[in-house]
Structure formats: C-alpha cells, structure tokens
C-alpha cells in the first residue's frame, strides 16, 4: 500500500506484440483502476508472466518491507521481475508512487541489459517479504529436462522450490 492509501498490483500482459507490466490501483481492494502511467514495454518479449515490483537496498544485506512500496531514498532501487522466454529476468529502476512511473536504470530493450533472476531452470517465480527475518522468500516452478514420455512414466513433471 502506498502513502496515498491505495493498494497496487502489477500484472503481466502483451501490448502490441510486446511484453509488458501494467499497474492497477485500488482504495478498497475490490474496485481496481489501471494506472495512467504505463510501465516500459519490451520488444524482445511477447508476454510477461508473474511480474513483481519491490524495493531493495543497494548497499545492504537486509530486505525491505514490500507492503510499503513507496519506500524511497538514494540507496533504494525497485526490482521489476517478470517471467518470459523460459526464464525469470529482472531490471533495476526507480518507482515513483506519486506518478506511478517506473524508470529503468538501463535500456532494457537490449536483451543483455535484462538480468537473469536464476541461471537454473526457474520459471514463474513469486516472492514475499519475511518481516521477521528481514529477507525475501522466493518460490518457483522448476521444469525438469526429462522427455515427455519420461514424465508420463514417472507420473509427474516439474517441481516447486522455495529459496
């Protein structure tokens, strides 16, 4: 929730064949309105899944409470994470809760500017902030590299991990 008393949620989508995240706001958690300020689009992706936006401290080891997304400061950046192209990626930037703008630190339209969230087989990860231990907990689907017949024979495919 922002200082303005509004809840915020980021959803993944596709706009004009480009992957994107859209911010919605609500005062009552029932009626949601799309923010007028669009988040950046990516012409190297077609659809974003499981996006997240949360603050981080650049020069520290503790996490930040994401229920207060309006956290600001010179050492505070905001991570925009999304799942696409079989991996999870993120980009750093600054989120301004007054204008609902997210300004990236680098031109993320270039694929090498996206940072991989994990170099394994993570996909569709989500996270939450553990206020007790001041850390971020991540869970994700992990796709195995088995063939379809192997998965059928085993009776399952993929697994859920928590980090």
Protein backbone atom coordinates (compact mmCIF):
# COMPACT_ATOMS: atom_id res chain seq x y z
CA UNK A 1 0.00 0.00 0.00
CA UNK A 2 1.29 3.42 -0.88
CA UNK A 3 1.40 6.51 1.30
CA UNK A 4 -1.73 7.60 -0.57
CA UNK A 5 -3.67 4.70 0.98
CA UNK A 6 -4.03 2.84 -2.32
CA UNK A 7 -3.18 -0.80 -2.93
CA UNK A 8 -1.14 -1.60 -6.03
CA UNK A 9 -0.83 -4.74 -8.13
CA UNK A 10 1.28 -5.37 -11.22
CA UNK A 11 0.01 -7.81 -13.85
CA UNK A 12 1.77 -9.27 -16.86
CA UNK A 13 0.40 -8.81 -20.35
CA UNK A 14 1.16 -8.19 -24.00
CA UNK A 15 0.62 -4.83 -25.70
CA UNK A 16 1.12 -4.58 -29.47
CA UNK A 17 3.02 -7.89 -29.51
CA UNK A 18 5.39 -6.68 -26.77
CA UNK A 19 5.72 -8.00 -23.23
CA UNK A 20 4.59 -5.56 -20.58
CA UNK A 21 3.58 -4.99 -16.98
CA UNK A 22 0.55 -2.91 -16.08
CA UNK A 23 -0.08 -1.32 -12.70
CA UNK A 24 -3.55 -1.26 -11.16
CA UNK A 25 -4.59 0.63 -8.01
CA UNK A 26 -7.43 0.24 -5.53
CA UNK A 27 -8.63 2.03 -2.41
CA UNK A 28 -10.92 -0.79 -1.27
CA UNK A 29 -9.28 -3.94 -2.72
CA UNK A 30 -12.44 -4.59 -4.78
CA UNK A 31 -12.52 -1.92 -7.48
CA UNK A 32 -9.30 -1.59 -9.46
CA UNK A 33 -8.24 1.16 -11.86
CA UNK A 34 -5.46 0.96 -14.39
CA UNK A 35 -2.68 3.46 -13.81
CA UNK A 36 -2.39 6.12 -16.49
CA UNK A 37 1.41 5.83 -16.45
CA UNK A 38 2.48 2.77 -18.45
CA UNK A 39 5.43 0.69 -17.39
CA UNK A 40 8.12 0.20 -20.06
CA UNK A 41 7.42 -2.31 -22.85
CA UNK A 42 9.90 -4.85 -24.18
CA UNK A 43 10.11 -5.54 -27.89
CA UNK A 44 12.24 -8.65 -27.27
CA UNK A 45 9.44 -10.46 -25.44
CA UNK A 46 5.86 -11.30 -26.33
CA UNK A 47 4.16 -11.80 -22.96
CA UNK A 48 5.15 -11.34 -19.32
CA UNK A 49 4.08 -13.76 -16.61
CA UNK A 50 4.27 -13.40 -12.83
CA UNK A 51 5.63 -9.84 -12.68
CA UNK A 52 6.70 -8.34 -9.38
CA UNK A 53 7.77 -4.89 -8.26
CA UNK A 54 9.55 -4.46 -4.94
CA UNK A 55 12.16 -2.19 -3.29
CA UNK A 56 15.72 -3.25 -2.45
CA UNK A 57 18.60 -1.60 -0.62
CA UNK A 58 21.59 -1.29 -2.95
CA UNK A 59 24.18 -1.06 -0.18
CA UNK A 60 22.97 -3.52 2.42
CA UNK A 61 22.01 -7.07 3.25
CA UNK A 62 18.56 -6.60 4.76
CA UNK A 63 15.39 -6.80 2.75
CA UNK A 64 12.75 -4.10 2.61
CA UNK A 65 9.11 -4.44 3.53
CA UNK A 66 7.24 -4.55 0.23
CA UNK A 67 3.91 -3.72 1.80
CA UNK A 68 5.29 -0.17 1.80
CA UNK A 69 6.13 0.09 -1.91
CA UNK A 70 6.57 3.84 -1.58
CA UNK A 71 9.92 3.35 0.17
CA UNK A 72 12.28 5.90 -1.35
CA UNK A 73 15.88 7.04 -0.85
CA UNK A 74 19.16 7.33 -2.69
CA UNK A 75 20.16 3.74 -1.85
CA UNK A 76 16.73 2.35 -2.75
CA UNK A 77 16.06 0.77 -6.13
CA UNK A 78 12.99 -1.09 -7.31
CA UNK A 79 13.21 -4.51 -8.93
CA UNK A 80 10.80 -5.24 -11.78
CA UNK A 81 10.83 -9.02 -12.27
CA UNK A 82 8.99 -10.95 -14.97
CA UNK A 83 8.92 -14.45 -16.45
CA UNK A 84 9.27 -14.86 -20.21
CA UNK A 85 11.21 -16.87 -22.78
CA UNK A 86 11.51 -19.84 -20.36
CA UNK A 87 13.38 -17.87 -17.66
CA UNK A 88 12.89 -15.24 -14.98
CA UNK A 89 14.50 -11.85 -15.53
CA UNK A 90 14.68 -8.55 -13.70
CA UNK A 91 15.70 -4.98 -14.28
CA UNK A 92 16.52 -2.28 -11.75
CA UNK A 93 15.00 1.16 -11.71
CA UNK A 94 13.13 3.70 -9.63
CA UNK A 95 9.41 3.63 -8.96
CA UNK A 96 7.74 6.95 -8.18
CA UNK A 97 4.50 6.27 -6.27
CA UNK A 98 3.17 9.78 -6.89
CA UNK A 99 3.28 9.49 -10.69
CA UNK A 100 3.21 5.66 -10.80
CA UNK A 101 6.15 5.80 -13.18
CA UNK A 102 8.89 3.19 -13.28
CA UNK A 103 12.12 4.48 -14.82
CA UNK A 104 14.69 1.80 -15.64
CA UNK A 105 18.39 2.29 -14.98
CA UNK A 106 19.38 0.97 -18.42
CA UNK A 107 17.83 0.50 -21.84
CA UNK A 108 16.31 -2.91 -21.21
CA UNK A 109 15.16 -3.30 -24.82
CA UNK A 110 18.60 -4.76 -25.39
CA UNK A 111 18.50 -8.37 -24.23
CA UNK A 112 21.82 -8.20 -22.40
CA UNK A 113 20.51 -5.43 -20.16
CA UNK A 114 17.99 -7.84 -18.63
CA UNK A 115 19.45 -9.70 -15.70
CA UNK A 116 18.64 -13.37 -15.16
CA UNK A 117 16.95 -13.99 -11.83
CA UNK A 118 18.36 -17.50 -11.79
CA UNK A 119 20.63 -19.45 -14.12
CA UNK A 120 18.93 -22.77 -13.45
CA UNK A 121 15.50 -23.88 -14.58
CA UNK A 122 13.40 -21.45 -12.52
CA UNK A 123 10.20 -20.15 -14.08
CA UNK A 124 7.16 -18.22 -12.90
CA UNK A 125 8.72 -17.36 -9.56
CA UNK A 126 6.95 -15.28 -6.93
CA UNK A 127 8.25 -13.90 -3.68
CA UNK A 128 7.19 -12.30 -0.44
CA UNK A 129 8.90 -10.32 2.27
CA UNK A 130 9.55 -12.06 5.61
CA UNK A 131 9.42 -9.16 8.07
CA UNK A 132 10.54 -11.31 10.99
CA UNK A 133 13.90 -12.14 9.40
CA UNK A 134 14.01 -9.15 7.02
CA UNK A 135 14.51 -11.25 3.91
CA UNK A 136 12.75 -12.10 0.67
CA UNK A 137 11.43 -15.66 0.26
CA UNK A 138 11.18 -16.94 -3.31
CA UNK A 139 9.23 -19.89 -4.65
CA UNK A 140 9.27 -21.09 -8.21
CA UNK A 141 8.26 -23.80 -10.60
CA UNK A 142 11.26 -25.77 -11.86
CA UNK A 143 10.85 -27.52 -15.17
CA UNK A 144 12.85 -30.69 -15.44
CA UNK A 145 14.72 -31.65 -18.58
CA UNK A 146 13.07 -35.06 -18.86
CA UNK A 147 11.32 -36.03 -22.05
CA UNK A 148 7.52 -36.14 -22.21
CA UNK A 149 7.49 -39.99 -22.20
CA UNK A 150 9.72 -39.99 -19.08
CA UNK A 151 7.35 -37.60 -17.31
CA UNK A 152 4.36 -39.75 -18.24
CA UNK A 153 6.11 -42.86 -16.94
CA UNK A 154 7.01 -41.13 -13.65
CA UNK A 155 3.53 -39.68 -13.29
CA UNK A 156 4.73 -36.14 -12.61
CA UNK A 157 6.73 -33.35 -14.20
CA UNK A 158 8.41 -30.36 -12.63
CA UNK A 159 8.59 -29.33 -9.02
CA UNK A 160 8.05 -26.39 -6.72
CA UNK A 161 11.06 -24.96 -4.86
CA UNK A 162 11.39 -22.47 -2.03
CA UNK A 163 14.52 -20.40 -1.50
